[in-house]
Amino acid sequence: MMLIVHWLSELGAILCALTGVVIVLARLISAITYCELKLVAMLDSAFKVKKAWKKLKDGKRKNRQ
């Protein structure tokens, strides 16, 4: 009887540890996704700025000619 209680206690500890690992992995994936979305937004913004800058430079060239 004591052996079964001991095994159940060990099994509970292992399940608790696995639950903690799953929670940490979920938070890590969430943080990576958040950073990825911010990076995509920054790259999109930089592309728009680059496009506007090129348009401005092309407009200045046309005005000089």
Protein backbone atom coordinates (compact mmCIF):
# COMPACT_ATOMS: atom_id res chain seq x y z
CA MET A 1 0.00 0.00 0.00
CA MET A 2 2.80 2.43 0.87
CA LEU A 3 4.48 1.64 -2.42
CA ILE A 4 1.36 2.63 -4.40
CA VAL A 5 1.05 5.89 -2.43
CA HIS A 6 4.73 6.62 -3.07
CA TRP A 7 4.33 5.99 -6.82
CA LEU A 8 1.24 8.19 -6.97
CA SER A 9 3.13 10.93 -5.18
CA GLU A 10 6.01 10.68 -7.65
CA LEU A 11 3.59 10.65 -10.58
CA GLY A 12 1.90 13.79 -9.22
CA ALA A 13 5.26 15.54 -8.91
CA ILE A 14 6.19 14.62 -12.48
CA LEU A 15 2.84 15.85 -13.82
CA CYS A 16 3.23 19.10 -11.89
CA ALA A 17 6.72 19.63 -13.36
CA LEU A 18 5.45 18.89 -16.88
CA THR A 19 2.62 21.37 -16.41
CA GLY A 20 5.18 24.02 -15.43
CA VAL A 21 7.25 23.27 -18.53
CA VAL A 22 4.18 23.54 -20.77
CA ILE A 23 3.26 26.90 -19.22
CA VAL A 24 6.80 28.23 -19.74
CA LEU A 25 6.82 27.04 -23.36
CA ALA A 26 3.44 28.66 -24.00
CA ARG A 27 4.68 31.98 -22.65
CA LEU A 28 7.86 31.71 -24.71
CA ILE A 29 5.89 31.06 -27.89
CA SER A 30 3.61 33.98 -27.04
CA ALA A 31 6.62 36.29 -26.55
CA ILE A 32 8.19 35.15 -29.83
CA THR A 33 4.92 35.73 -31.69
CA TYR A 34 4.60 39.20 -30.16
CA CYS A 35 8.15 40.11 -31.18
CA GLU A 36 7.56 38.75 -34.66
CA LEU A 37 4.46 40.89 -35.09
CA LYS A 38 6.36 43.98 -33.89
CA LEU A 39 9.21 43.21 -36.30
CA VAL A 40 6.81 42.81 -39.23
CA ALA A 41 5.18 46.14 -38.35
CA MET A 42 8.58 47.85 -38.15
CA LEU A 43 9.69 46.41 -41.49
CA ASP A 44 6.42 47.45 -43.11
CA SER A 45 6.86 50.96 -41.76
CA ALA A 46 10.48 51.11 -42.93
CA PHE A 47 9.43 49.95 -46.41
CA LYS A 48 6.80 52.69 -46.58
CA VAL A 49 9.37 55.31 -45.51
CA LYS A 50 11.85 54.02 -48.10
CA LYS A 51 9.19 54.15 -50.80
CA ALA A 52 8.18 57.71 -49.82
CA TRP A 53 11.85 58.80 -49.73
CA LYS A 54 12.44 57.38 -53.21
CA LYS A 55 9.33 59.16 -54.51
CA LEU A 56 10.57 62.42 -52.99
CA LYS A 57 14.03 62.02 -54.53
CA ASP A 58 12.53 61.22 -57.93
CA GLY A 59 10.34 64.32 -57.66
CA LYS A 60 13.38 66.50 -56.93
CA ARG A 61 15.22 65.06 -59.96
CA LYS A 62 12.27 65.86 -62.23
CA ASN A 63 12.13 69.42 -60.88
CA ARG A 64 15.83 69.97 -61.64
CA GLN A 65 15.45 68.89 -65.26
